[in-house]
Amino acid sequence: MQKPRQGWAGLFNISFGFFGIQIGFALQNANMSRVFQSLGSAIDDLPALWVAAPLTGLLVQPIIGHMSDRTWLRKLGRRRPYFLLGAVLAALSLVLMPLSDVLLMAALLLWVLDASLNISMEPFRAFVGDMLRKDQHTAGYAVQTAFIGAGAVMGSLIPDWMEQMGVANVAPDGGIPDSVRYAFWIGGAALLVAVLWTVLTTKEYSPEEMASFGDSNESETQEATITALAAKQYASCIAWIIAGLVVTGLVWQFNLEKEMYLLGGLLALYGVLSAVAISMAKQGNASGMLTSIVGDFSGMPDIMKKLALVQFFSWSALFIMWINTTPVVTQYVFGSTDTASVAYNQGANWVGRLFATYNGVAAIAALTLLPFLSKTLGKVKTHVFGLLCGAAGYASFFFIRDPNTLLMAEVGIGIAWASILAMPYAILASSLPQGKLGIYMGLFNVFVVIPQLLVATVMGSIMKAFFPTEPIWTMAFAAGTLVLAAIAMLRVQVPGENTEISA
């Protein structure tokens, strides 16, 4: 048997919840640097404050993926319980965030917000694979990407709409403006409603129905993973621990940014956890979450490993953009670094328009350009094209100083964003065992998070050492890493596609 083919209404219902989730992410991405600076943070401290977000994703997504593969609640199903839980927590965080009156409170709420958004978001990736036939995966992820773009447009523009309606865009005491406060509250309500729509309008296939479709369950693929883990030696674990100690020593020796201690600690911690997991597997303990996650991570399919490198470079560029677009635009286009000035807050609102533009382009490209290119060029070349468009968009920040013209740069970034959100997942969903789709999608997020941690910890050191007052150079790093991502994508082999680029 095959899964029933979903019409446009089914595709809409499956992914509409992502519209609300992305409103939350858009409000976070476009406004958190502004919130932090309004509460007294210096530009040099922004990466450290943003560390909480990717670190949360690194921890949460594999755990939620592992749990959702094993969950079945008769009325709610496998993935939907996590949609609902994350949405409720995220909405509460969005309500409380603009009430922050000290920097620490805002940083803690960012951690809670990102954890909650990740709880909802991770199962949505696997949900498309669960609900759709393989020949609809590209369409399913394209629709999901369109909702991501549309949600991000709304989330990015709400503060600007508030100002146009007469809501104050500058706080008299230099704190968080009312336009941002109302935007977070509206976003929280929209997030909850959108996720509830998907929860109430979709019905997941039961484990028995999935078996009838020929999709293996998690237990059928777990034994081989644990056997492979038990056969591993401890040398790689020792290497990870040594790498962590070396990084920590370099930070201490050369007085690098203190956030890099986190990177060293994570490397060493993974080495320790890997050693524990291998020991448990050798003893025959195959039921633990740790052994499952470490075993699946070490036994990733080859195509996933190659796509992981592409993701690493792609998300490095994206995180550079999210952190630095506000400082770059306010300083170079609007001519102000004073967070209490009218010019700075006008520039910060313009960043919302820039982000809305690239997300709007992404929504359109996901439903029109990407499906056409995918059919004519294949998924690999389509993604290469999208990444190079993004690199051109970032590079143009060096030359454009007019706010309206800068919107043109967002067209290339929008095409790249659409491709990053759709093509790797469409390739993966058709290549991974269905019974482990949740955990593999969660582990794939590691290669979204690790580059963000590196950017948050390393970029600050680089900028402080070489360009302490010139944040525009962050865009050069963003453009260069997208070029590297395009080159890495050429190593990915999709059955039936030719990845050679003709002259």
Protein backbone atom coordinates (compact mmCIF):
# COMPACT_ATOMS: atom_id res chain seq x y z
CA MET A 1 0.00 0.00 0.00
CA GLN A 2 0.98 3.62 -0.55
CA LYS A 3 0.06 6.63 1.53
CA PRO A 4 -2.88 8.57 0.10
CA ARG A 5 -1.84 11.44 -2.11
CA GLN A 6 -2.44 14.77 -0.38
CA GLY A 7 -4.15 17.62 -2.17
CA TRP A 8 -3.35 21.28 -1.63
CA ALA A 9 -5.69 21.43 1.38
CA GLY A 10 -3.80 18.55 3.00
CA LEU A 11 -0.41 20.14 2.27
CA PHE A 12 -1.75 23.41 3.74
CA ASN A 13 -2.96 21.80 6.96
CA ILE A 14 0.22 19.76 7.48
CA SER A 15 2.50 22.80 7.40
CA PHE A 16 0.35 25.74 8.51
CA GLY A 17 1.63 25.45 12.07
CA PHE A 18 5.09 26.34 10.79
CA PHE A 19 3.65 29.73 9.81
CA GLY A 20 3.16 30.53 13.49
CA ILE A 21 6.48 29.04 14.58
CA GLN A 22 8.31 31.19 12.07
CA ILE A 23 6.55 34.32 13.31
CA GLY A 24 8.21 33.58 16.64
CA PHE A 25 11.61 32.99 15.05
CA ALA A 26 11.29 36.14 12.94
CA LEU A 27 10.50 38.31 15.95
CA GLN A 28 13.47 36.76 17.71
CA ASN A 29 15.89 37.13 14.79
CA ALA A 30 14.95 40.67 13.83
CA ASN A 31 14.52 42.16 17.30
CA MET A 32 16.67 40.40 19.91
CA SER A 33 19.85 42.34 19.04
CA ARG A 34 17.74 45.50 19.32
CA VAL A 35 16.31 44.35 22.67
CA PHE A 36 19.76 43.51 24.01
CA GLN A 37 21.24 46.82 22.85
CA SER A 38 18.26 48.75 24.25
CA LEU A 39 18.89 47.11 27.64
CA GLY A 40 22.54 48.14 27.62
CA SER A 41 24.46 45.49 25.68
CA ALA A 42 27.46 46.53 23.56
CA ILE A 43 27.92 45.20 20.02
CA ASP A 44 30.87 43.07 21.16
CA ASP A 45 28.61 41.28 23.65
CA LEU A 46 25.82 40.39 21.20
CA PRO A 47 27.29 37.03 20.06
CA ALA A 48 27.62 35.86 23.67
CA LEU A 49 23.99 36.72 24.39
CA TRP A 50 22.87 34.86 21.26
CA VAL A 51 24.71 31.68 22.29
CA ALA A 52 21.68 30.47 24.25
CA ALA A 53 19.60 30.06 21.10
CA PRO A 54 21.77 27.60 19.12
CA LEU A 55 22.90 25.80 22.26
CA THR A 56 19.27 25.13 23.11
CA GLY A 57 18.62 23.74 19.64
CA LEU A 58 21.68 21.51 19.90
CA LEU A 59 20.34 19.90 23.06
CA VAL A 60 16.62 19.92 22.41
CA GLN A 61 16.18 18.75 18.83
CA PRO A 62 17.90 15.32 19.00
CA ILE A 63 16.07 14.58 22.26
CA ILE A 64 12.68 15.60 20.85
CA GLY A 65 13.40 13.70 17.63
CA HIS A 66 14.27 10.55 19.59
CA MET A 67 11.17 10.88 21.78
CA SER A 68 8.75 11.65 18.95
CA ASP A 69 9.86 8.53 17.03
CA ARG A 70 8.76 6.51 20.07
CA THR A 71 5.61 8.46 21.00
CA TRP A 72 2.07 7.42 20.21
CA LEU A 73 -0.81 9.10 22.03
CA ARG A 74 -4.06 7.83 20.61
CA LYS A 75 -5.81 11.20 20.31
CA LEU A 76 -2.79 13.37 19.55
CA GLY A 77 -0.53 10.95 17.67
CA ARG A 78 3.25 10.98 17.35
CA ARG A 79 4.41 14.50 16.47
CA ARG A 80 1.44 16.69 17.41
CA PRO A 81 1.92 16.48 21.21
CA TYR A 82 5.26 18.24 20.75
CA PHE A 83 3.76 20.85 18.41
CA LEU A 84 1.26 21.75 21.11
CA LEU A 85 3.63 21.76 24.09
CA GLY A 86 6.22 23.91 22.31
CA ALA A 87 3.61 26.36 21.05
CA VAL A 88 2.17 27.00 24.52
CA LEU A 89 5.60 27.58 26.05
CA ALA A 90 6.75 29.78 23.15
CA ALA A 91 3.63 31.93 23.33
CA LEU A 92 4.20 32.52 27.04
CA SER A 93 7.83 33.46 26.36
CA LEU A 94 6.80 35.96 23.68
CA VAL A 95 4.37 37.57 26.11
CA LEU A 96 7.01 37.93 28.82
CA MET A 97 10.02 38.90 26.63
CA PRO A 98 9.14 42.59 26.08
CA LEU A 99 8.46 43.00 29.79
CA SER A 100 12.18 42.48 30.47
CA ASP A 101 13.73 45.41 32.27
CA VAL A 102 17.23 43.95 32.72
CA LEU A 103 19.58 42.24 30.30
CA LEU A 104 19.71 38.97 32.25
CA MET A 105 15.95 38.53 32.11
CA ALA A 106 15.92 39.03 28.33
CA ALA A 107 18.77 36.53 27.88
CA LEU A 108 17.00 33.89 30.00
CA LEU A 109 13.73 34.37 28.14
CA LEU A 110 15.56 34.01 24.82
CA TRP A 111 16.75 30.61 26.05
CA VAL A 112 13.20 29.57 27.02
CA LEU A 113 11.76 30.93 23.77
CA ASP A 114 14.26 29.13 21.60
CA ALA A 115 13.83 25.87 23.51
CA SER A 116 10.07 26.09 23.06
CA LEU A 117 10.28 26.91 19.35
CA ASN A 118 12.65 23.97 18.84
CA ILE A 119 10.25 21.61 20.64
CA SER A 120 7.57 22.54 18.11
CA MET A 121 9.78 22.89 15.05
CA GLU A 122 11.77 19.62 15.11
CA PRO A 123 8.79 17.26 14.73
CA PHE A 124 7.39 19.38 11.88
CA ARG A 125 10.33 18.36 9.70
CA ALA A 126 9.60 14.67 10.30
CA PHE A 127 5.83 15.28 10.07
CA VAL A 128 6.08 16.03 6.33
CA GLY A 129 7.92 12.76 5.77
CA ASP A 130 5.38 10.88 7.91
CA MET A 131 2.33 12.21 6.10
CA LEU A 132 3.46 12.31 2.47
CA ARG A 133 4.52 9.84 -0.21
CA LYS A 134 8.09 10.16 -1.44
CA ASP A 135 6.97 11.71 -4.72
CA GLN A 136 5.36 14.54 -2.73
CA HIS A 137 8.30 15.29 -0.45
CA THR A 138 9.61 18.15 -2.58
CA ALA A 139 6.13 19.70 -2.78
CA GLY A 140 5.62 19.20 0.96
CA TYR A 141 8.83 20.92 1.96
CA ALA A 142 8.20 23.66 -0.61
CA VAL A 143 4.82 24.42 0.99
CA GLN A 144 6.45 24.33 4.43
CA THR A 145 9.11 26.77 3.20
CA ALA A 146 6.41 29.05 1.79
CA PHE A 147 4.75 29.17 5.21
CA ILE A 148 8.11 29.80 6.84
CA GLY A 149 8.64 32.75 4.50
CA ALA A 150 5.12 34.11 5.01
CA GLY A 151 5.39 33.78 8.79
CA ALA A 152 8.74 35.48 8.80
CA VAL A 153 7.37 38.36 6.71
CA MET A 154 4.60 38.93 9.22
CA GLY A 155 6.91 38.58 12.23
CA SER A 156 9.48 40.94 10.74
CA LEU A 157 7.00 43.67 9.80
CA ILE A 158 4.81 43.82 12.93
CA PRO A 159 7.00 46.44 14.71
CA ASP A 160 6.91 48.61 11.58
CA TRP A 161 3.13 48.25 11.34
CA MET A 162 2.83 49.25 14.99
CA GLU A 163 4.79 52.45 14.34
CA GLN A 164 2.62 53.30 11.33
CA MET A 165 -0.44 52.90 13.56
CA GLY A 166 1.00 55.49 15.95
CA VAL A 167 2.58 53.19 18.52
CA ALA A 168 5.81 54.65 19.96
CA ASN A 169 8.95 53.29 18.30
CA VAL A 170 11.36 54.87 20.82
CA ALA A 171 11.10 54.28 24.55
CA PRO A 172 11.52 57.50 26.56
CA ASP A 173 13.82 55.78 29.06
CA GLY A 174 15.86 54.00 26.40
CA GLY A 175 14.23 50.64 27.10
CA ILE A 176 12.20 48.37 24.82
CA PRO A 177 9.83 50.45 22.61
CA ASP A 178 6.07 49.81 22.70
CA SER A 179 6.14 48.85 19.01
CA VAL A 180 8.34 45.88 19.89
CA ARG A 181 6.27 44.99 22.96
CA TYR A 182 3.01 44.77 21.01
CA ALA A 183 4.74 42.89 18.19
CA PHE A 184 5.83 40.13 20.57
CA TRP A 185 2.35 39.84 22.08
CA ILE A 186 0.64 39.67 18.67
CA GLY A 187 3.22 37.13 17.53
CA GLY A 188 2.58 34.91 20.54
CA ALA A 189 -1.14 34.77 19.81
CA ALA A 190 -0.59 34.09 16.10
CA LEU A 191 1.88 31.29 16.87
CA LEU A 192 -0.55 29.49 19.16
CA VAL A 193 -3.48 29.76 16.73
CA ALA A 194 -1.45 28.49 13.75
CA VAL A 195 -0.09 25.45 15.57
CA LEU A 196 -3.56 24.61 16.92
CA TRP A 197 -4.83 24.66 13.32
CA THR A 198 -2.42 21.89 12.32
CA VAL A 199 -3.08 19.91 15.50
CA LEU A 200 -6.86 20.00 14.97
CA THR A 201 -7.01 19.51 11.18
CA THR A 202 -4.55 16.62 10.72
CA LYS A 203 -4.69 12.97 11.73
CA GLU A 204 -1.42 11.05 11.91
CA TYR A 205 -0.99 7.52 10.64
CA SER A 206 -0.84 4.95 13.41
CA PRO A 207 2.15 2.60 13.76
CA GLU A 208 0.06 -0.16 12.15
CA GLU A 209 -0.83 2.04 9.19
CA MET A 210 2.83 3.06 8.76
CA ALA A 211 3.79 -0.62 8.70
CA SER A 212 1.17 -1.29 6.02
CA PHE A 213 2.81 1.42 3.89
CA GLY A 214 6.10 -0.45 4.12
CA ASP A 215 7.73 2.09 6.42
CA SER A 216 9.95 0.45 9.00
CA ASN A 217 9.47 1.37 12.62
CA GLU A 218 12.24 2.62 14.86
CA SER A 219 12.81 -0.68 16.64
CA GLU A 220 13.51 -2.51 13.38
CA THR A 221 16.47 -0.26 12.58
CA GLN A 222 17.81 0.22 16.11
CA GLU A 223 19.49 -3.16 16.58
CA ALA A 224 21.99 -2.61 13.77
CA THR A 225 22.82 0.86 15.10
CA ILE A 226 23.58 -0.40 18.61
CA THR A 227 25.62 -3.31 17.23
CA ALA A 228 27.76 -0.88 15.22
CA LEU A 229 28.18 1.36 18.28
CA ALA A 230 29.28 -1.58 20.46
CA ALA A 231 31.99 -2.42 17.91
CA LYS A 232 33.56 1.04 18.18
CA GLN A 233 36.71 1.72 20.17
CA TYR A 234 37.33 4.58 22.57
CA ALA A 235 40.02 6.35 20.48
CA SER A 236 37.57 8.77 18.90
CA CYS A 237 36.13 9.63 22.34
CA ILE A 238 39.62 10.47 23.59
CA ALA A 239 40.22 12.61 20.50
CA TRP A 240 37.06 14.66 21.16
CA ILE A 241 38.07 15.20 24.79
CA ILE A 242 41.58 16.27 23.78
CA ALA A 243 40.16 18.66 21.18
CA GLY A 244 37.99 20.26 23.85
CA LEU A 245 40.92 20.65 26.21
CA VAL A 246 43.07 22.15 23.43
CA VAL A 247 40.41 24.74 22.60
CA THR A 248 40.03 25.61 26.28
CA GLY A 249 43.80 25.95 26.64
CA LEU A 250 44.05 28.24 23.61
CA VAL A 251 41.32 30.49 24.99
CA TRP A 252 43.19 30.78 28.30
CA GLN A 253 46.64 31.18 26.72
CA PHE A 254 45.72 33.86 24.17
CA ASN A 255 42.98 35.57 26.18
CA LEU A 256 40.35 34.89 23.51
CA GLU A 257 36.65 35.62 23.91
CA LYS A 258 35.38 33.77 27.00
CA GLU A 259 32.43 32.37 25.05
CA MET A 260 34.90 30.00 23.35
CA TYR A 261 35.16 28.10 26.63
CA LEU A 262 31.68 26.85 25.77
CA LEU A 263 32.94 25.40 22.49
CA GLY A 264 35.76 23.58 24.24
CA GLY A 265 33.40 22.28 26.89
CA LEU A 266 30.96 20.93 24.29
CA LEU A 267 33.70 19.07 22.43
CA ALA A 268 34.96 17.45 25.63
CA LEU A 269 31.43 16.67 26.80
CA TYR A 270 30.62 14.88 23.54
CA GLY A 271 33.74 12.77 23.98
CA VAL A 272 32.67 11.78 27.49
CA LEU A 273 29.08 11.01 26.46
CA SER A 274 30.31 8.97 23.49
CA ALA A 275 32.51 6.89 25.81
CA VAL A 276 29.56 6.28 28.14
CA ALA A 277 27.30 5.32 25.22
CA ILE A 278 29.87 2.90 23.77
CA SER A 279 30.33 1.30 27.19
CA MET A 280 26.56 0.88 27.57
CA ALA A 281 26.28 -0.64 24.09
CA LYS A 282 29.10 -3.11 24.82
CA GLN A 283 27.20 -4.17 27.95
CA GLY A 284 24.07 -4.81 25.90
CA ASN A 285 22.12 -1.78 27.14
CA ALA A 286 20.40 -0.73 23.92
CA SER A 287 17.31 0.91 25.36
CA GLY A 288 18.78 4.16 26.64
CA MET A 289 18.30 7.51 24.93
CA LEU A 290 22.05 8.23 25.08
CA THR A 291 23.06 5.05 23.26
CA SER A 292 20.40 5.62 20.61
CA ILE A 293 21.34 9.23 19.92
CA VAL A 294 25.11 8.65 19.91
CA GLY A 295 24.69 5.48 17.83
CA ASP A 296 22.53 7.22 15.24
CA PHE A 297 24.88 10.22 15.13
CA SER A 298 27.95 8.06 14.54
CA GLY A 299 26.11 5.90 12.00
CA MET A 300 24.62 8.62 9.80
CA PRO A 301 24.04 7.66 6.14
CA ASP A 302 26.67 8.96 3.71
CA ILE A 303 24.31 11.38 1.98
CA MET A 304 23.45 12.92 5.34
CA LYS A 305 27.13 13.44 6.16
CA LYS A 306 27.70 15.28 2.88
CA LEU A 307 24.61 17.44 3.34
CA ALA A 308 25.77 18.16 6.90
CA LEU A 309 28.84 19.96 5.56
CA VAL A 310 26.63 22.03 3.26
CA GLN A 311 24.41 22.93 6.21
CA PHE A 312 27.43 23.85 8.30
CA PHE A 313 28.55 26.55 5.87
CA SER A 314 25.01 27.68 4.99
CA TRP A 315 23.92 28.29 8.56
CA SER A 316 27.19 29.98 9.45
CA ALA A 317 26.26 32.65 6.92
CA LEU A 318 22.68 32.92 8.13
CA PHE A 319 23.64 33.36 11.77
CA ILE A 320 26.20 36.03 10.85
CA MET A 321 23.38 37.87 9.08
CA TRP A 322 20.89 37.60 11.95
CA ILE A 323 23.34 38.90 14.53
CA ASN A 324 24.92 41.67 12.49
CA THR A 325 22.34 43.07 10.07
CA THR A 326 21.00 45.53 12.65
CA PRO A 327 24.45 46.96 13.58
CA VAL A 328 25.47 47.08 9.90
CA VAL A 329 22.32 48.78 8.62
CA THR A 330 21.98 51.27 11.48
CA GLN A 331 25.67 52.29 11.25
CA TYR A 332 26.31 52.32 7.50
CA VAL A 333 22.90 53.09 5.99
CA PHE A 334 21.23 55.20 8.69
CA GLY A 335 24.42 56.62 10.22
CA SER A 336 23.81 55.98 13.92
CA THR A 337 25.05 53.66 16.66
CA ASP A 338 23.07 55.42 19.44
CA THR A 339 20.23 53.05 20.40
CA ALA A 340 18.20 55.94 21.84
CA SER A 341 18.32 57.97 18.61
CA VAL A 342 15.53 58.24 16.05
CA ALA A 343 17.94 57.26 13.23
CA TYR A 344 19.01 54.05 14.96
CA ASN A 345 15.43 52.94 15.60
CA GLN A 346 14.43 53.81 12.04
CA GLY A 347 17.31 51.64 10.86
CA ALA A 348 16.28 48.83 13.21
CA ASN A 349 12.76 48.94 11.79
CA TRP A 350 14.23 48.88 8.27
CA VAL A 351 15.99 45.64 9.17
CA GLY A 352 12.50 44.25 9.75
CA ARG A 353 11.61 45.25 6.18
CA LEU A 354 14.80 43.69 4.86
CA PHE A 355 14.06 40.45 6.67
CA ALA A 356 10.45 40.56 5.48
CA THR A 357 11.67 41.01 1.90
CA TYR A 358 13.97 38.00 1.87
CA ASN A 359 11.31 35.88 3.56
CA GLY A 360 8.67 37.04 1.10
CA VAL A 361 10.97 36.19 -1.80
CA ALA A 362 11.58 32.80 -0.19
CA ALA A 363 7.85 32.08 0.06
CA ILE A 364 7.37 32.84 -3.64
CA ALA A 365 10.54 31.06 -4.77
CA ALA A 366 9.64 27.92 -2.81
CA LEU A 367 6.38 27.48 -4.73
CA THR A 368 7.54 28.65 -8.18
CA LEU A 369 11.28 28.86 -8.83
CA LEU A 370 12.58 25.89 -6.83
CA PRO A 371 10.12 23.27 -8.18
CA PHE A 372 10.86 24.41 -11.75
CA LEU A 373 14.63 24.34 -11.28
CA SER A 374 14.45 21.03 -9.42
CA LYS A 375 12.66 19.38 -12.33
CA THR A 376 14.98 20.83 -14.96
CA LEU A 377 18.36 20.88 -13.17
CA GLY A 378 17.90 18.45 -10.30
CA LYS A 379 17.97 19.11 -6.57
CA VAL A 380 21.78 19.45 -6.31
CA LYS A 381 22.24 22.11 -8.98
CA THR A 382 19.15 23.94 -7.77
CA HIS A 383 20.64 24.23 -4.30
CA VAL A 384 24.02 25.34 -5.71
CA PHE A 385 22.25 28.10 -7.64
CA GLY A 386 20.33 29.23 -4.55
CA LEU A 387 23.44 29.38 -2.37
CA LEU A 388 25.34 31.47 -4.93
CA CYS A 389 22.40 33.89 -5.11
CA GLY A 390 22.69 34.35 -1.37
CA ALA A 391 26.44 34.96 -1.57
CA ALA A 392 25.84 37.74 -4.12
CA GLY A 393 23.22 39.29 -1.81
CA TYR A 394 25.57 39.41 1.17
CA ALA A 395 28.42 40.83 -0.93
CA SER A 396 26.23 43.70 -2.10
CA PHE A 397 26.05 45.11 1.46
CA PHE A 398 29.56 46.45 0.83
CA PHE A 399 28.40 48.70 -2.00
CA ILE A 400 24.81 49.71 -1.24
CA ARG A 401 24.11 52.63 1.08
CA ASP A 402 20.55 53.49 0.03
CA PRO A 403 17.85 51.76 2.14
CA ASN A 404 15.52 51.09 -0.80
CA THR A 405 18.25 49.75 -3.04
CA LEU A 406 19.36 47.46 -0.23
CA LEU A 407 16.06 45.64 -0.64
CA MET A 408 17.43 44.26 -3.92
CA ALA A 409 20.16 42.43 -2.01
CA GLU A 410 17.44 40.56 -0.13
CA VAL A 411 16.17 38.96 -3.34
CA GLY A 412 19.29 36.82 -3.64
CA ILE A 413 19.24 36.08 0.09
CA GLY A 414 15.59 35.07 -0.17
CA ILE A 415 16.29 32.56 -2.94
CA ALA A 416 19.10 31.09 -0.84
CA TRP A 417 16.86 30.93 2.25
CA ALA A 418 14.14 29.08 0.32
CA SER A 419 16.64 26.58 -1.01
CA ILE A 420 18.29 26.02 2.40
CA LEU A 421 14.90 25.31 3.99
CA ALA A 422 13.57 23.02 1.25
CA MET A 423 16.19 21.17 -0.80
CA PRO A 424 18.30 19.42 1.88
CA TYR A 425 15.18 18.20 3.69
CA ALA A 426 13.51 16.99 0.50
CA ILE A 427 16.65 14.98 -0.30
CA LEU A 428 16.90 13.58 3.23
CA ALA A 429 13.23 12.65 3.70
CA SER A 430 13.41 10.40 0.63
CA SER A 431 16.75 8.85 1.65
CA LEU A 432 16.35 8.06 5.39
CA PRO A 433 14.61 5.15 7.13
CA GLN A 434 11.08 6.28 8.02
CA GLY A 435 11.28 4.78 11.51
CA LYS A 436 14.15 7.12 12.40
CA LEU A 437 13.03 10.23 10.57
CA GLY A 438 12.51 12.15 13.81
CA ILE A 439 15.91 11.42 15.33
CA TYR A 440 17.77 11.93 12.05
CA MET A 441 16.05 15.27 11.45
CA GLY A 442 16.97 16.22 15.01
CA LEU A 443 20.58 15.16 14.51
CA PHE A 444 20.69 17.00 11.19
CA ASN A 445 19.95 20.13 13.20
CA VAL A 446 23.32 19.67 14.95
CA PHE A 447 24.88 20.94 11.73
CA VAL A 448 22.59 23.93 11.86
CA VAL A 449 23.51 24.66 15.47
CA ILE A 450 27.27 24.00 15.57
CA PRO A 451 28.06 26.75 13.02
CA GLN A 452 25.89 29.14 14.99
CA LEU A 453 27.85 28.36 18.14
CA LEU A 454 31.10 28.88 16.25
CA VAL A 455 29.87 32.21 14.90
CA ALA A 456 28.72 33.29 18.35
CA THR A 457 32.03 32.33 19.96
CA VAL A 458 34.67 32.82 17.23
CA MET A 459 33.29 35.72 15.20
CA GLY A 460 33.46 38.05 18.18
CA SER A 461 37.17 37.30 18.61
CA ILE A 462 37.85 37.85 14.90
CA MET A 463 35.96 41.12 14.73
CA LYS A 464 37.48 42.41 17.96
CA ALA A 465 41.00 41.64 16.74
CA PHE A 466 40.77 42.90 13.14
CA PHE A 467 37.62 45.04 12.65
CA PRO A 468 36.56 46.31 16.10
CA THR A 469 34.42 49.17 14.78
CA GLU A 470 33.60 47.89 11.26
CA PRO A 471 30.79 45.28 11.44
CA ILE A 472 30.35 45.48 7.65
CA TRP A 473 33.11 42.89 7.32
CA THR A 474 30.83 40.26 8.83
CA MET A 475 28.98 40.28 5.50
CA ALA A 476 32.19 39.28 3.71
CA PHE A 477 32.40 36.21 5.94
CA ALA A 478 28.75 35.44 5.20
CA ALA A 479 29.25 35.65 1.42
CA GLY A 480 32.39 33.50 1.55
CA THR A 481 30.81 30.73 3.60
CA LEU A 482 27.87 30.46 1.18
CA VAL A 483 30.32 29.99 -1.69
CA LEU A 484 31.95 27.18 0.31
CA ALA A 485 28.49 25.67 0.87
CA ALA A 486 27.84 25.68 -2.89
CA ILE A 487 31.15 23.91 -3.53
CA ALA A 488 30.38 21.31 -0.84
CA MET A 489 26.95 20.69 -2.38
CA LEU A 490 28.58 19.42 -5.57
CA ARG A 491 29.81 16.39 -3.59
CA VAL A 492 26.23 15.28 -2.85
CA GLN A 493 25.01 12.50 -5.10
CA VAL A 494 21.25 12.08 -5.53
CA PRO A 495 20.29 8.92 -7.48
CA GLY A 496 19.52 9.80 -11.07
CA GLU A 497 21.11 13.26 -10.97
CA ASN A 498 24.30 14.47 -12.65
CA THR A 499 26.09 17.02 -10.46
CA GLU A 500 28.76 18.04 -12.99
CA ILE A 501 28.60 21.72 -13.93
CA SER A 502 29.16 22.14 -17.65
CA ALA A 503 31.32 24.97 -18.91
